[in-house]
C-alpha atoms as a PDB file:
ATOM      1  CA  MET A   1      -6.948  44.149  31.186  1.00  0.00           C
ATOM      2  CA  LYS A   2      -5.815  40.507  30.932  1.00  0.00           C
ATOM      3  CA  LYS A   3      -5.627  38.398  33.894  1.00  0.00           C
ATOM      4  CA  ASN A   4      -2.309  38.026  35.605  1.00  0.00           C
ATOM      5  CA  MET A   5      -3.536  36.780  39.108  1.00  0.00           C
ATOM      6  CA  GLY A   6      -4.279  32.869  39.909  1.00  0.00           C
ATOM      7  CA  ASN A   7      -6.552  31.328  42.023  1.00  0.00           C
ATOM      8  CA  ALA A   8      -4.431  31.307  45.601  1.00  0.00           C
ATOM      9  CA  ASP A   9      -3.107  34.463  44.628  1.00  0.00           C
ATOM     10  CA  ARG A  10      -7.014  35.879  44.693  1.00  0.00           C
ATOM     11  CA  ILE A  11      -7.777  33.899  47.922  1.00  0.00           C
ATOM     12  CA  LEU A  12      -4.572  35.093  49.459  1.00  0.00           C
ATOM     13  CA  ARG A  13      -5.217  38.607  49.093  1.00  0.00           C
ATOM     14  CA  LEU A  14      -8.957  38.456  50.067  1.00  0.00           C
ATOM     15  CA  ILE A  15      -7.996  36.867  53.041  1.00  0.00           C
ATOM     16  CA  VAL A  16      -5.429  39.004  53.963  1.00  0.00           C
ATOM     17  CA  ALA A  17      -8.147  42.440  53.108  1.00  0.00           C
ATOM     18  CA  ILE A  18     -10.813  40.345  55.360  1.00  0.00           C
ATOM     19  CA  THR A  19      -8.493  39.828  57.895  1.00  0.00           C
ATOM     20  CA  ILE A  20      -7.525  43.517  58.054  1.00  0.00           C
ATOM     21  CA  ALA A  21     -10.183  44.521  58.121  1.00  0.00           C
ATOM     22  CA  LEU A  22     -11.833  42.968  61.045  1.00  0.00           C
ATOM     23  CA  LEU A  23      -8.845  44.142  62.893  1.00  0.00           C
ATOM     24  CA  TYR A  24     -10.228  47.302  62.310  1.00  0.00           C
ATOM     25  CA  TYR A  25     -13.421  46.788  63.101  1.00  0.00           C
ATOM     26  CA  PHE A  26     -12.847  44.868  66.386  1.00  0.00           C
ATOM     27  CA  ASN A  27     -10.631  48.024  67.558  1.00  0.00           C
ATOM     28  CA  ILE A  28      -7.910  45.618  67.393  1.00  0.00           C
ATOM     29  CA  ILE A  29      -5.635  48.161  65.112  1.00  0.00           C
ATOM     30  CA  HIS A  30      -6.261  52.165  65.061  1.00  0.00           C
ATOM     31  CA  GLY A  31      -4.399  55.230  64.478  1.00  0.00           C
ATOM     32  CA  THR A  32      -2.422  55.728  61.234  1.00  0.00           C
ATOM     33  CA  VAL A  33      -1.491  52.351  61.216  1.00  0.00           C
ATOM     34  CA  ALA A  34      -5.229  51.130  60.699  1.00  0.00           C
ATOM     35  CA  TYR A  35      -5.782  53.773  58.110  1.00  0.00           C
ATOM     36  CA  VAL A  36      -2.335  52.444  56.388  1.00  0.00           C
ATOM     37  CA  LEU A  37      -3.347  49.212  56.993  1.00  0.00           C
ATOM     38  CA  LEU A  38      -6.961  49.716  55.628  1.00  0.00           C
ATOM     39  CA  GLY A  39      -5.739  51.454  52.216  1.00  0.00           C
ATOM     40  CA  LEU A  40      -3.520  48.279  51.218  1.00  0.00           C
ATOM     41  CA  ALA A  41      -6.496  45.937  52.549  1.00  0.00           C
ATOM     42  CA  GLY A  42      -8.879  47.673  49.960  1.00  0.00           C
ATOM     43  CA  ILE A  43      -6.542  47.396  47.333  1.00  0.00           C
ATOM     44  CA  PHE A  44      -5.899  43.871  48.286  1.00  0.00           C
ATOM     45  CA  ALA A  45      -9.829  43.270  47.768  1.00  0.00           C
ATOM     46  CA  VAL A  46      -9.872  45.108  44.428  1.00  0.00           C
ATOM     47  CA  THR A  47      -7.062  43.108  42.659  1.00  0.00           C
ATOM     48  CA  GLY A  48      -8.212  40.012  44.359  1.00  0.00           C
ATOM     49  CA  PHE A  49     -11.626  40.654  42.776  1.00  0.00           C
ATOM     50  CA  VAL A  50     -10.704  41.784  39.210  1.00  0.00           C
ATOM     51  CA  SER A  51      -7.893  39.247  38.972  1.00  0.00           C
ATOM     52  CA  PHE A  52      -5.090  41.781  37.768  1.00  0.00           C
ATOM     53  CA  CYS A  53      -2.250  43.436  39.503  1.00  0.00           C
ATOM     54  CA  PRO A  54      -0.899  46.248  38.099  1.00  0.00           C
ATOM     55  CA  LEU A  55       2.445  45.322  39.881  1.00  0.00           C
ATOM     56  CA  TYR A  56       2.569  42.358  38.195  1.00  0.00           C
ATOM     57  CA  SER A  57       2.195  43.386  34.957  1.00  0.00           C
ATOM     58  CA  LEU A  58       4.947  45.702  35.507  1.00  0.00           C
ATOM     59  CA  VAL A  59       7.261  42.988  36.553  1.00  0.00           C
ATOM     60  CA  GLY A  60       6.487  40.771  34.287  1.00  0.00           C
ATOM     61  CA  LEU A  61       4.400  38.057  36.736  1.00  0.00           C
ATOM     62  CA  ASN A  62       1.936  36.048  36.156  1.00  0.00           C
ATOM     63  CA  THR A  63       0.188  33.386  37.917  1.00  0.00           C
ATOM     64  CA  CYS A  64      -2.806  32.655  36.012  1.00  0.00           C
ATOM     65  CA  LYS A  65      -2.855  29.450  34.455  1.00  0.00           C
ATOM     66  CA  VAL A  66      -2.850  29.693  30.595  1.00  0.00           C
ATOM     67  CA  LYS A  67      -4.774  27.112  28.896  1.00  0.00           C
ATOM     68  CA  ASN A  68      -2.620  25.818  25.608  1.00  0.00           C
END
């Protein structure tokens, strides 16, 4: 897998994932909405850590800075 996410994307995804996890932990969100958001947070966390987003590759986006 080739990196296709820049640092700004990675940090934003990790912040969103942590925020959703904290909202669930403090019982601010619950029920079906919580489980859907936790699934999304899990995807954001994994893609943030590995710097690769499959959706970006399908669409052809690349926010990672390329060295010339």
